[in-house]
N, C-alpha and C. Protein backbone atom coordinates (compact mmCIF):
# COMPACT_ATOMS: atom_id res chain seq x y z
N MET A 1 35.98 129.23 119.29
CA MET A 1 37.04 130.32 119.14
C MET A 1 36.47 131.56 118.59
N PRO A 2 36.69 132.73 119.18
CA PRO A 2 36.12 134.01 118.56
C PRO A 2 36.75 134.22 117.22
N ASP A 3 36.00 134.94 116.35
CA ASP A 3 36.53 135.34 115.07
C ASP A 3 37.69 136.33 115.29
N THR A 4 38.68 136.24 114.41
CA THR A 4 39.78 137.16 114.44
C THR A 4 39.45 138.37 113.59
N ARG A 5 40.21 139.44 113.77
CA ARG A 5 39.97 140.70 112.97
C ARG A 5 40.65 140.57 111.57
N GLY A 6 41.39 139.48 111.37
CA GLY A 6 42.13 139.32 110.15
C GLY A 6 43.59 138.90 110.38
N HIS A 7 44.27 138.67 109.21
CA HIS A 7 45.62 138.21 109.33
C HIS A 7 46.55 139.43 109.10
N LEU A 8 47.67 139.37 109.82
CA LEU A 8 48.64 140.47 109.76
C LEU A 8 50.02 139.89 109.61
N LEU A 9 50.90 140.61 108.80
CA LEU A 9 52.30 140.31 108.71
C LEU A 9 53.10 141.54 109.27
N PRO A 10 53.74 141.42 110.40
CA PRO A 10 54.60 142.47 110.91
C PRO A 10 55.94 142.50 110.15
N VAL A 11 56.20 143.70 109.58
CA VAL A 11 57.50 143.87 108.89
C VAL A 11 58.31 144.93 109.50
N TYR A 12 59.56 144.61 109.67
CA TYR A 12 60.56 145.52 110.35
C TYR A 12 61.64 145.84 109.31
N ILE A 13 61.92 147.11 109.09
CA ILE A 13 63.01 147.52 108.32
C ILE A 13 64.15 147.98 109.34
N LEU A 14 65.14 147.20 109.36
CA LEU A 14 66.21 147.47 110.29
C LEU A 14 67.41 148.08 109.49
N ALA A 15 67.63 149.33 109.49
CA ALA A 15 68.44 150.08 108.53
C ALA A 15 69.71 150.64 109.27
N ASP A 16 70.84 150.44 108.69
CA ASP A 16 72.10 150.96 109.19
C ASP A 16 72.11 152.54 109.04
N GLU A 17 72.27 153.25 110.20
CA GLU A 17 72.29 154.70 110.21
C GLU A 17 73.71 155.14 110.56
N SER A 18 74.70 154.30 110.43
CA SER A 18 76.11 154.68 110.82
C SER A 18 76.63 155.70 109.92
N ALA A 19 77.72 156.26 110.27
CA ALA A 19 78.35 157.37 109.59
C ALA A 19 78.75 157.05 108.23
N SER A 20 79.12 155.81 107.96
CA SER A 20 79.58 155.33 106.61
C SER A 20 78.39 155.43 105.60
N MET A 21 77.13 155.62 106.05
CA MET A 21 75.97 155.80 105.20
C MET A 21 75.70 157.21 104.87
N THR A 22 76.54 158.12 105.31
CA THR A 22 76.22 159.59 105.12
C THR A 22 75.93 159.90 103.68
N ASP A 23 76.72 159.41 102.74
CA ASP A 23 76.49 159.81 101.30
C ASP A 23 75.26 159.18 100.73
N TYR A 24 74.58 158.25 101.44
CA TYR A 24 73.48 157.54 100.86
C TYR A 24 72.13 157.75 101.62
N ALA A 25 72.14 158.80 102.34
CA ALA A 25 70.90 159.09 103.09
C ALA A 25 69.74 159.35 102.20
N ASP A 26 69.94 160.04 101.04
CA ASP A 26 68.92 160.36 100.08
C ASP A 26 68.34 159.05 99.61
N GLU A 27 69.22 158.10 99.14
CA GLU A 27 68.72 156.81 98.64
C GLU A 27 67.87 156.06 99.75
N LEU A 28 68.40 156.11 100.99
CA LEU A 28 67.64 155.42 102.04
C LEU A 28 66.24 155.97 102.18
N ASN A 29 66.14 157.31 102.18
CA ASN A 29 64.84 157.90 102.50
C ASN A 29 63.97 157.86 101.21
N THR A 30 64.54 157.93 100.09
CA THR A 30 63.74 157.85 98.88
C THR A 30 63.11 156.42 98.78
N GLY A 31 63.89 155.48 99.16
CA GLY A 31 63.44 154.04 99.14
C GLY A 31 62.22 153.91 100.15
N LEU A 32 62.32 154.57 101.28
CA LEU A 32 61.20 154.46 102.18
C LEU A 32 59.97 155.10 101.67
N VAL A 33 60.10 156.24 100.97
CA VAL A 33 58.95 156.91 100.33
C VAL A 33 58.34 156.04 99.26
N SER A 34 59.14 155.33 98.47
CA SER A 34 58.63 154.48 97.43
C SER A 34 57.90 153.34 98.04
N LEU A 35 58.30 152.76 99.14
CA LEU A 35 57.63 151.64 99.81
C LEU A 35 56.25 152.23 100.33
N TYR A 36 56.29 153.34 100.94
CA TYR A 36 55.09 154.01 101.51
C TYR A 36 54.04 154.21 100.28
N GLU A 37 54.54 154.77 99.26
CA GLU A 37 53.57 155.02 98.16
C GLU A 37 53.03 153.75 97.51
N ALA A 38 53.85 152.67 97.42
CA ALA A 38 53.42 151.48 96.83
C ALA A 38 52.37 150.83 97.75
N LEU A 39 52.55 150.82 99.10
CA LEU A 39 51.53 150.17 99.86
C LEU A 39 50.32 151.07 100.00
N ARG A 40 50.43 152.40 99.95
CA ARG A 40 49.24 153.27 100.01
C ARG A 40 48.46 153.04 98.71
N SER A 41 49.10 152.69 97.67
CA SER A 41 48.34 152.44 96.40
C SER A 41 47.59 151.13 96.33
N GLU A 42 47.90 150.27 97.31
CA GLU A 42 47.30 148.93 97.44
C GLU A 42 46.72 148.72 98.83
N PRO A 43 45.63 149.41 99.11
CA PRO A 43 45.03 149.36 100.51
C PRO A 43 44.80 148.05 101.00
N MET A 44 44.36 147.10 100.12
CA MET A 44 44.01 145.75 100.65
C MET A 44 45.34 145.08 101.11
N VAL A 45 46.45 145.36 100.49
CA VAL A 45 47.74 144.79 100.88
C VAL A 45 48.21 145.54 102.22
N ALA A 46 48.09 146.87 102.19
CA ALA A 46 48.49 147.66 103.35
C ALA A 46 47.77 147.28 104.58
N ALA A 47 46.43 146.85 104.44
CA ALA A 47 45.69 146.39 105.56
C ALA A 47 46.21 145.17 106.21
N LYS A 48 47.06 144.40 105.51
CA LYS A 48 47.59 143.16 106.05
C LYS A 48 48.97 143.29 106.64
N VAL A 49 49.54 144.45 106.54
CA VAL A 49 50.97 144.74 106.97
C VAL A 49 51.00 145.76 108.10
N ARG A 50 51.83 145.52 109.04
CA ARG A 50 52.12 146.50 110.10
C ARG A 50 53.58 146.79 109.97
N LEU A 51 53.99 148.01 109.70
CA LEU A 51 55.37 148.32 109.36
C LEU A 51 56.02 149.09 110.47
N SER A 52 57.20 148.59 110.84
CA SER A 52 58.06 149.30 111.75
C SER A 52 59.40 149.64 111.04
N ILE A 53 59.93 150.84 111.31
CA ILE A 53 61.18 151.24 110.76
C ILE A 53 62.12 151.61 111.88
N LEU A 54 63.24 150.88 111.98
CA LEU A 54 64.20 150.99 113.04
C LEU A 54 65.55 151.41 112.48
N GLY A 55 66.14 152.50 112.91
CA GLY A 55 67.49 152.84 112.48
C GLY A 55 68.40 152.47 113.59
N PHE A 56 69.55 151.73 113.19
CA PHE A 56 70.49 151.35 114.21
C PHE A 56 71.85 151.97 113.91
N SER A 57 72.48 152.40 115.02
CA SER A 57 73.82 152.92 115.02
C SER A 57 74.44 152.54 116.39
N ASP A 58 74.79 153.50 117.26
CA ASP A 58 75.19 153.14 118.63
C ASP A 58 74.04 152.47 119.30
N ASP A 59 72.82 152.86 119.05
CA ASP A 59 71.64 152.26 119.61
C ASP A 59 70.60 152.17 118.52
N VAL A 60 69.35 151.90 118.92
CA VAL A 60 68.24 151.78 117.98
C VAL A 60 67.29 152.97 118.10
N GLU A 61 66.96 153.68 117.07
CA GLU A 61 65.93 154.76 117.11
C GLU A 61 64.76 154.25 116.32
N VAL A 62 63.56 154.37 116.96
CA VAL A 62 62.29 153.97 116.35
C VAL A 62 61.83 155.06 115.47
N ARG A 63 61.73 154.88 114.18
CA ARG A 63 61.27 155.88 113.24
C ARG A 63 59.79 155.68 113.02
N LEU A 64 59.31 154.44 113.09
CA LEU A 64 57.88 154.14 112.87
C LEU A 64 57.63 152.79 113.59
N SER A 65 56.50 152.71 114.22
CA SER A 65 56.22 151.46 114.98
C SER A 65 54.80 150.91 114.67
N LEU A 66 54.75 149.60 114.20
CA LEU A 66 53.50 148.89 113.96
C LEU A 66 52.51 149.74 113.19
N ALA A 67 52.90 150.43 112.14
CA ALA A 67 52.07 151.33 111.43
C ALA A 67 51.17 150.67 110.42
N ASP A 68 49.93 151.07 110.36
CA ASP A 68 49.03 150.78 109.25
C ASP A 68 49.18 151.93 108.30
N LEU A 69 49.79 151.76 107.17
CA LEU A 69 50.20 152.85 106.30
C LEU A 69 49.02 153.51 105.71
N ARG A 70 47.86 152.89 105.80
CA ARG A 70 46.61 153.53 105.25
C ARG A 70 46.32 154.79 106.18
N ASN A 71 46.83 154.72 107.37
CA ASN A 71 46.52 155.86 108.32
C ASN A 71 47.65 156.80 108.50
N GLU A 72 48.73 156.69 107.77
CA GLU A 72 49.86 157.50 107.91
C GLU A 72 49.91 158.54 106.76
N GLU A 73 50.11 159.83 107.16
CA GLU A 73 50.16 160.85 106.21
C GLU A 73 51.59 161.11 105.56
N GLY A 74 52.48 160.33 105.99
CA GLY A 74 53.83 160.44 105.43
C GLY A 74 54.69 159.33 106.05
N ILE A 75 55.96 159.38 105.68
CA ILE A 75 56.90 158.40 106.21
C ILE A 75 58.06 159.07 106.83
N PRO A 76 58.57 158.68 108.06
CA PRO A 76 59.67 159.33 108.72
C PRO A 76 61.00 159.07 107.97
N GLU A 77 61.97 159.86 108.24
CA GLU A 77 63.24 159.73 107.64
C GLU A 77 64.24 159.02 108.58
N LEU A 78 65.12 158.25 107.95
CA LEU A 78 66.27 157.76 108.64
C LEU A 78 67.33 158.85 108.82
N LYS A 79 68.07 158.85 109.90
CA LYS A 79 69.01 159.88 110.22
C LYS A 79 70.43 159.30 110.52
N ILE A 80 71.37 159.80 109.81
CA ILE A 80 72.76 159.26 109.93
C ILE A 80 73.35 159.64 111.21
N ARG A 81 74.00 158.72 111.90
CA ARG A 81 74.58 158.97 113.22
C ARG A 81 75.99 158.47 113.29
N SER A 82 76.30 157.36 114.03
CA SER A 82 77.71 157.09 114.35
C SER A 82 78.07 155.66 113.99
N THR A 83 78.21 154.74 114.92
CA THR A 83 78.78 153.34 114.67
C THR A 83 77.78 152.38 114.18
N THR A 84 78.27 151.13 113.92
CA THR A 84 77.44 150.07 113.28
C THR A 84 77.27 149.01 114.36
N ASN A 85 76.36 149.17 115.27
CA ASN A 85 76.30 148.30 116.44
C ASN A 85 75.17 147.21 116.22
N TYR A 86 75.57 146.06 115.67
CA TYR A 86 74.68 144.99 115.43
C TYR A 86 74.09 144.53 116.78
N ASP A 87 74.89 144.56 117.81
CA ASP A 87 74.50 144.01 119.11
C ASP A 87 73.23 144.75 119.63
N ALA A 88 73.25 146.04 119.54
CA ALA A 88 72.15 146.89 119.95
C ALA A 88 70.89 146.54 119.09
N ALA A 89 71.15 146.34 117.78
CA ALA A 89 69.98 146.07 116.92
C ALA A 89 69.25 144.81 117.29
N PHE A 90 69.98 143.72 117.55
CA PHE A 90 69.33 142.49 117.83
C PHE A 90 68.81 142.40 119.25
N ARG A 91 69.50 143.05 120.17
CA ARG A 91 68.97 143.12 121.53
C ARG A 91 67.63 143.91 121.56
N ASP A 92 67.51 144.90 120.74
CA ASP A 92 66.24 145.68 120.72
C ASP A 92 65.15 144.73 120.16
N LEU A 93 65.41 143.99 119.11
CA LEU A 93 64.34 143.12 118.54
C LEU A 93 64.00 142.04 119.51
N LEU A 94 64.90 141.57 120.35
CA LEU A 94 64.58 140.52 121.36
C LEU A 94 63.43 140.89 122.22
N THR A 95 63.35 142.14 122.60
CA THR A 95 62.19 142.54 123.44
C THR A 95 61.08 143.15 122.60
N ARG A 96 61.39 143.87 121.53
CA ARG A 96 60.35 144.53 120.72
C ARG A 96 59.45 143.54 120.04
N ILE A 97 59.97 142.53 119.38
CA ILE A 97 59.10 141.69 118.65
C ILE A 97 58.11 140.88 119.52
N PRO A 98 58.49 140.24 120.57
CA PRO A 98 57.46 139.54 121.45
C PRO A 98 56.41 140.59 121.96
N SER A 99 56.86 141.80 122.31
CA SER A 99 55.86 142.74 122.91
C SER A 99 54.90 143.17 121.70
N ASP A 100 55.45 143.38 120.52
CA ASP A 100 54.57 143.78 119.37
C ASP A 100 53.53 142.69 119.04
N ILE A 101 54.04 141.43 118.97
CA ILE A 101 53.13 140.34 118.62
C ILE A 101 52.01 140.16 119.74
N ALA A 102 52.42 140.33 121.00
CA ALA A 102 51.41 140.33 122.04
C ALA A 102 50.40 141.39 121.87
N THR A 103 50.80 142.56 121.49
CA THR A 103 49.89 143.75 121.28
C THR A 103 48.96 143.39 120.15
N LEU A 104 49.50 142.90 119.00
CA LEU A 104 48.59 142.63 117.89
C LEU A 104 47.63 141.51 118.16
N LYS A 105 48.10 140.45 118.79
CA LYS A 105 47.21 139.36 119.14
C LYS A 105 46.16 139.77 120.19
N GLY A 106 46.49 140.66 121.11
CA GLY A 106 45.59 141.13 122.09
C GLY A 106 44.54 142.03 121.42
N SER A 107 44.84 142.47 120.25
CA SER A 107 43.83 143.31 119.45
C SER A 107 42.96 142.37 118.59
N GLY A 108 43.20 141.03 118.70
CA GLY A 108 42.30 140.17 117.94
C GLY A 108 42.71 139.68 116.60
N TYR A 109 44.09 139.99 116.22
CA TYR A 109 44.52 139.56 114.94
C TYR A 109 45.26 138.18 114.97
N LEU A 110 45.20 137.50 113.82
CA LEU A 110 45.96 136.35 113.62
C LEU A 110 47.30 136.87 113.02
N VAL A 111 48.42 136.55 113.75
CA VAL A 111 49.69 137.23 113.35
C VAL A 111 50.64 136.15 112.76
N HIS A 112 51.17 136.50 111.62
CA HIS A 112 52.12 135.63 110.94
C HIS A 112 53.58 135.99 111.36
N ARG A 113 54.47 135.06 111.18
CA ARG A 113 55.83 135.21 111.70
C ARG A 113 56.46 136.56 111.10
N PRO A 114 57.01 137.33 111.92
CA PRO A 114 57.53 138.67 111.44
C PRO A 114 58.61 138.48 110.36
N ALA A 115 58.76 139.52 109.57
CA ALA A 115 59.80 139.58 108.60
C ALA A 115 60.74 140.79 108.92
N VAL A 116 61.97 140.67 109.04
CA VAL A 116 62.87 141.69 109.26
C VAL A 116 63.79 141.87 108.05
N PHE A 117 63.77 143.08 107.44
CA PHE A 117 64.65 143.36 106.34
C PHE A 117 65.79 144.24 106.84
N PHE A 118 67.00 143.61 106.85
CA PHE A 118 68.20 144.14 107.47
C PHE A 118 69.08 144.76 106.31
N LEU A 119 69.56 145.96 106.46
CA LEU A 119 70.45 146.53 105.46
C LEU A 119 71.64 147.22 106.19
N SER A 120 72.83 146.85 105.75
CA SER A 120 74.03 147.49 106.31
C SER A 120 75.14 147.58 105.29
N ASP A 121 76.04 148.59 105.45
CA ASP A 121 77.14 148.74 104.50
C ASP A 121 78.48 148.49 105.22
N GLY A 122 78.35 148.01 106.45
CA GLY A 122 79.63 147.79 107.18
C GLY A 122 79.66 146.61 108.16
N GLN A 123 80.81 146.25 108.50
CA GLN A 123 81.00 145.17 109.57
C GLN A 123 80.58 145.67 110.97
N PRO A 124 80.14 144.82 111.83
CA PRO A 124 79.73 145.23 113.13
C PRO A 124 80.87 145.95 113.87
N SER A 125 80.55 147.04 114.56
CA SER A 125 81.58 147.75 115.30
C SER A 125 81.90 147.17 116.61
N LYS A 126 81.06 146.23 117.13
CA LYS A 126 81.32 145.58 118.43
C LYS A 126 81.11 144.10 118.28
N SER A 127 81.86 143.31 119.06
CA SER A 127 81.61 141.84 119.10
C SER A 127 80.48 141.50 119.99
N GLY A 128 80.10 140.25 120.01
CA GLY A 128 79.09 139.87 120.91
C GLY A 128 77.67 139.79 120.40
N TRP A 129 77.51 140.24 119.15
CA TRP A 129 76.15 140.35 118.58
C TRP A 129 75.54 138.99 118.24
N LEU A 130 76.37 137.93 118.11
CA LEU A 130 75.80 136.63 117.69
C LEU A 130 74.92 136.05 118.78
N GLU A 131 75.30 136.36 120.07
CA GLU A 131 74.48 135.82 121.13
C GLU A 131 73.06 136.32 121.18
N PRO A 132 72.75 137.65 121.14
CA PRO A 132 71.38 138.03 121.04
C PRO A 132 70.70 137.67 119.72
N HIS A 133 71.47 137.62 118.70
CA HIS A 133 70.88 137.18 117.38
C HIS A 133 70.42 135.74 117.48
N GLU A 134 71.25 134.92 118.13
CA GLU A 134 70.82 133.42 118.23
C GLU A 134 69.59 133.30 119.08
N ARG A 135 69.51 134.08 120.16
CA ARG A 135 68.23 134.05 121.00
C ARG A 135 67.07 134.53 120.26
N LEU A 136 67.22 135.55 119.46
CA LEU A 136 66.20 136.14 118.67
C LEU A 136 65.64 135.18 117.69
N THR A 137 66.48 134.42 116.96
CA THR A 137 66.07 133.56 115.87
C THR A 137 65.82 132.20 116.23
N ASN A 138 66.04 131.81 117.55
CA ASN A 138 65.80 130.44 118.01
C ASN A 138 64.25 130.37 118.45
N LYS A 139 63.52 129.56 117.83
CA LYS A 139 62.09 129.47 118.09
C LYS A 139 61.84 128.83 119.50
N ALA A 140 62.86 128.09 120.08
CA ALA A 140 62.68 127.61 121.41
C ALA A 140 62.85 128.69 122.45
N THR A 141 63.55 129.76 122.03
CA THR A 141 63.76 130.87 123.02
C THR A 141 62.77 132.01 122.76
N THR A 142 62.55 132.29 121.48
CA THR A 142 61.62 133.35 121.05
C THR A 142 60.57 132.77 120.23
N ALA A 143 59.41 132.54 120.72
CA ALA A 143 58.30 131.94 119.92
C ALA A 143 58.03 132.61 118.62
N ALA A 144 58.16 134.03 118.65
CA ALA A 144 57.89 134.79 117.37
C ALA A 144 59.17 135.09 116.68
N ALA A 145 60.13 134.21 116.71
CA ALA A 145 61.40 134.43 116.06
C ALA A 145 61.14 134.78 114.60
N PRO A 146 61.75 135.90 114.18
CA PRO A 146 61.41 136.47 112.83
C PRO A 146 62.24 135.75 111.72
N ASN A 147 61.72 135.84 110.51
CA ASN A 147 62.57 135.56 109.34
C ASN A 147 63.33 136.84 109.07
N ILE A 148 64.68 136.68 108.95
CA ILE A 148 65.52 137.84 108.71
C ILE A 148 66.11 137.80 107.32
N ILE A 149 65.77 138.80 106.51
CA ILE A 149 66.28 138.92 105.13
C ILE A 149 67.45 140.01 105.20
N ALA A 150 68.66 139.59 104.91
CA ALA A 150 69.82 140.46 105.14
C ALA A 150 70.46 140.81 103.82
N CYS A 151 70.63 142.15 103.68
CA CYS A 151 71.30 142.68 102.49
C CYS A 151 72.51 143.51 102.89
N GLY A 152 73.62 143.20 102.22
CA GLY A 152 74.87 143.98 102.49
C GLY A 152 75.33 144.71 101.31
N VAL A 153 75.78 145.89 101.50
CA VAL A 153 76.45 146.69 100.39
C VAL A 153 77.75 147.26 100.95
N GLY A 154 78.56 147.73 100.02
CA GLY A 154 79.81 148.30 100.50
C GLY A 154 80.76 147.28 101.13
N ALA A 155 81.24 147.65 102.38
CA ALA A 155 82.31 146.92 102.99
C ALA A 155 81.91 145.71 103.76
N VAL A 156 80.70 145.50 104.00
CA VAL A 156 80.24 144.37 104.79
C VAL A 156 80.54 143.05 104.07
N LYS A 157 80.97 142.05 104.89
CA LYS A 157 81.38 140.83 104.26
C LYS A 157 80.24 139.80 104.02
N ALA A 158 80.32 139.00 103.00
CA ALA A 158 79.26 138.04 102.70
C ALA A 158 79.01 137.12 103.87
N GLU A 159 80.12 136.69 104.52
CA GLU A 159 79.90 135.70 105.62
C GLU A 159 79.13 136.32 106.79
N THR A 160 79.28 137.68 106.94
CA THR A 160 78.56 138.31 108.01
C THR A 160 77.04 138.32 107.65
N ILE A 161 76.74 138.69 106.40
CA ILE A 161 75.34 138.70 105.97
C ILE A 161 74.73 137.31 106.07
N LEU A 162 75.48 136.28 105.79
CA LEU A 162 74.98 134.97 105.97
C LEU A 162 74.67 134.61 107.40
N GLN A 163 75.46 135.17 108.32
CA GLN A 163 75.18 134.93 109.77
C GLN A 163 73.97 135.70 110.20
N VAL A 164 73.64 136.89 109.60
CA VAL A 164 72.50 137.66 110.00
C VAL A 164 71.25 136.99 109.48
N ALA A 165 71.23 136.58 108.21
CA ALA A 165 70.00 136.03 107.60
C ALA A 165 69.69 134.70 108.22
N THR A 166 68.39 134.42 108.30
CA THR A 166 67.91 133.20 108.95
C THR A 166 67.90 132.03 108.00
N GLN A 167 68.02 132.28 106.66
CA GLN A 167 68.26 131.14 105.70
C GLN A 167 69.15 131.71 104.68
N ASP A 168 69.87 130.76 104.09
CA ASP A 168 70.92 131.11 103.05
C ASP A 168 70.29 131.85 101.92
N GLN A 169 69.02 131.50 101.55
CA GLN A 169 68.37 132.18 100.41
C GLN A 169 67.84 133.55 100.78
N PHE A 170 67.99 133.97 102.04
CA PHE A 170 67.60 135.27 102.48
C PHE A 170 68.78 136.23 102.62
N ALA A 171 69.93 135.77 102.13
CA ALA A 171 71.23 136.62 102.31
C ALA A 171 71.71 137.04 101.00
N PHE A 172 71.92 138.44 100.84
CA PHE A 172 72.30 138.94 99.53
C PHE A 172 73.40 140.02 99.74
N VAL A 173 74.36 140.09 98.87
CA VAL A 173 75.32 141.15 98.82
C VAL A 173 75.41 141.76 97.49
N SER A 174 75.74 143.09 97.51
CA SER A 174 75.88 143.79 96.18
C SER A 174 77.17 143.36 95.52
N ILE A 175 77.18 143.48 94.25
CA ILE A 175 78.34 143.06 93.44
C ILE A 175 79.52 143.95 93.81
N PRO A 176 80.72 143.42 94.05
CA PRO A 176 81.86 144.25 94.39
C PRO A 176 82.04 145.39 93.43
N GLY A 177 82.33 146.60 93.94
CA GLY A 177 82.54 147.65 93.05
C GLY A 177 81.32 148.38 92.54
N ALA A 178 80.09 147.86 92.88
CA ALA A 178 78.86 148.45 92.42
C ALA A 178 78.68 149.78 93.14
N ASP A 179 77.97 150.66 92.53
CA ASP A 179 77.66 151.94 93.14
C ASP A 179 76.72 151.71 94.38
N ILE A 180 77.17 152.11 95.55
CA ILE A 180 76.42 151.81 96.77
C ILE A 180 75.01 152.49 96.75
N GLY A 181 74.96 153.70 96.30
CA GLY A 181 73.67 154.39 96.27
C GLY A 181 72.69 153.71 95.40
N ALA A 182 73.08 153.21 94.18
CA ALA A 182 72.30 152.46 93.32
C ALA A 182 71.86 151.14 93.86
N ALA A 183 72.78 150.49 94.62
CA ALA A 183 72.50 149.18 95.21
C ALA A 183 71.44 149.38 96.29
N ILE A 184 71.56 150.47 97.08
CA ILE A 184 70.46 150.70 98.12
C ILE A 184 69.14 150.87 97.50
N ALA A 185 69.09 151.68 96.40
CA ALA A 185 67.88 151.89 95.65
C ALA A 185 67.26 150.50 95.23
N LYS A 186 68.09 149.66 94.69
CA LYS A 186 67.59 148.35 94.26
C LYS A 186 67.15 147.47 95.43
N PHE A 187 67.75 147.65 96.53
CA PHE A 187 67.35 146.90 97.77
C PHE A 187 65.92 147.30 98.05
N PHE A 188 65.57 148.57 98.02
CA PHE A 188 64.24 149.05 98.39
C PHE A 188 63.22 148.55 97.26
N VAL A 189 63.64 148.51 96.01
CA VAL A 189 62.73 147.97 95.01
C VAL A 189 62.41 146.55 95.37
N ALA A 190 63.33 145.76 95.63
CA ALA A 190 63.11 144.35 96.03
C ALA A 190 62.28 144.22 97.34
N LEU A 191 62.62 144.99 98.29
CA LEU A 191 61.94 145.05 99.53
C LEU A 191 60.46 145.32 99.30
N THR A 192 60.17 146.35 98.53
CA THR A 192 58.78 146.73 98.22
C THR A 192 58.00 145.58 97.56
N ALA A 193 58.72 144.98 96.54
CA ALA A 193 58.05 143.88 95.82
C ALA A 193 57.80 142.69 96.79
N SER A 194 58.72 142.48 97.67
CA SER A 194 58.53 141.34 98.72
C SER A 194 57.34 141.60 99.64
N VAL A 195 57.29 142.86 100.14
CA VAL A 195 56.22 143.12 101.08
C VAL A 195 54.88 143.12 100.36
N VAL A 196 54.80 143.65 99.23
CA VAL A 196 53.54 143.68 98.51
C VAL A 196 53.09 142.25 98.11
N GLN A 197 53.94 141.44 97.59
CA GLN A 197 53.59 140.07 97.27
C GLN A 197 53.25 139.21 98.47
N SER A 198 54.02 139.41 99.57
CA SER A 198 53.72 138.68 100.83
C SER A 198 52.36 139.14 101.36
N GLY A 199 52.08 140.41 101.29
CA GLY A 199 50.79 140.95 101.80
C GLY A 199 49.63 140.32 100.99
N ARG A 200 49.81 140.25 99.64
CA ARG A 200 48.76 139.67 98.82
C ARG A 200 48.54 138.24 99.19
N SER A 201 49.64 137.48 99.49
CA SER A 201 49.51 136.06 99.73
C SER A 201 48.68 135.83 101.01
N LEU A 202 48.54 136.77 101.90
CA LEU A 202 47.81 136.56 103.12
C LEU A 202 46.28 136.42 102.83
N THR A 203 45.85 136.80 101.63
CA THR A 203 44.48 136.59 101.22
C THR A 203 44.22 135.33 100.49
N SER A 204 45.29 134.52 100.35
CA SER A 204 45.20 133.26 99.64
C SER A 204 45.09 132.08 100.60
N ALA A 205 44.85 130.89 100.07
CA ALA A 205 44.71 129.77 100.95
C ALA A 205 46.04 129.30 101.53
N ASN A 206 47.15 129.75 100.94
CA ASN A 206 48.51 129.39 101.40
C ASN A 206 49.39 130.54 101.61
N PRO A 207 49.18 131.31 102.60
CA PRO A 207 49.96 132.50 102.84
C PRO A 207 51.47 132.19 103.05
N GLU A 208 52.31 133.00 102.51
CA GLU A 208 53.69 132.72 102.60
C GLU A 208 54.55 134.02 102.57
N LEU A 209 55.69 133.96 102.98
CA LEU A 209 56.65 135.13 102.89
C LEU A 209 57.37 134.91 101.54
N ILE A 210 57.25 136.01 100.77
CA ILE A 210 57.83 135.95 99.43
C ILE A 210 59.02 136.92 99.48
N VAL A 211 60.19 136.51 99.04
CA VAL A 211 61.40 137.34 99.08
C VAL A 211 62.02 137.45 97.69
N GLU A 212 62.05 138.67 97.27
CA GLU A 212 62.72 139.01 95.95
C GLU A 212 64.20 139.33 96.10
N LYS A 213 65.01 138.78 95.27
CA LYS A 213 66.45 139.10 95.24
C LYS A 213 66.61 140.51 94.63
N PRO A 214 67.28 141.33 95.26
CA PRO A 214 67.52 142.71 94.61
C PRO A 214 68.35 142.56 93.32
N GLU A 215 67.98 143.35 92.32
CA GLU A 215 68.69 143.28 91.07
C GLU A 215 70.16 143.78 91.35
N GLY A 216 71.08 143.06 90.68
CA GLY A 216 72.47 143.37 90.89
C GLY A 216 73.11 142.90 92.14
N PHE A 217 72.44 142.06 92.93
CA PHE A 217 73.00 141.49 94.11
C PHE A 217 73.33 140.00 93.88
N HIS A 218 74.28 139.46 94.50
CA HIS A 218 74.60 138.00 94.60
C HIS A 218 73.94 137.45 95.77
N MET A 219 73.62 136.11 95.68
CA MET A 219 73.32 135.32 96.88
C MET A 219 74.66 135.28 97.67
N ALA A 220 74.53 135.61 98.96
CA ALA A 220 75.83 135.70 99.72
C ALA A 220 76.49 134.33 99.79
N ILE A 221 75.76 133.22 99.73
CA ILE A 221 76.29 131.86 99.82
C ILE A 221 77.21 131.57 98.58
N ASP A 222 77.02 132.35 97.51
CA ASP A 222 77.80 132.10 96.26
C ASP A 222 79.05 132.94 96.22
N VAL A 223 79.28 133.84 97.18
CA VAL A 223 80.47 134.69 97.17
C VAL A 223 81.63 133.97 97.81
N VAL A 224 82.71 133.90 97.06
CA VAL A 224 83.88 133.13 97.59
C VAL A 224 85.08 134.14 97.64
């Protein structure tokens, strides 16, 4: 077997760009800058990560695709738009992730199961999203089915976040009444720690996905 070029962890940030996020655009984009700066400060970790940033509303807009942040001079901004269409988000990933994995493998990398970090402040605006989500997360249907870490703030229900996350321990909701902007900032702190620690683990004998619970969030499974 030919030598590989190394191990990679594809990371997708799937962020809600719906109108209800209007007041929190600064926190969203400040969080992305913090992630960018953290990975740029650790080039050995950055070398192990390929980052995609996807904003979802009526449809999905690609803000960044399979980026090696060592080669990026900046980070794009998320842009607030209209509705909260979960269906569009998961249908996009159904085609995007297998294509991305094929591209990375074709370049000679050993690719680990992708991690999707999902953030939303609202309930889905359309029904029917569970069907593409099930196909995306079913390894029998999608060989590169991702691990989905789901975080909800604001009006989104804990049971919805549990349905989005691929494991109960990957589902988090902010404390009721918490400041949404502050909760989004804490989401990005935890996301950054998760990506950095997971990237470091790829250099160990036992690589694993490490997920940090955002400060001030509950496990969604514990919300009644």
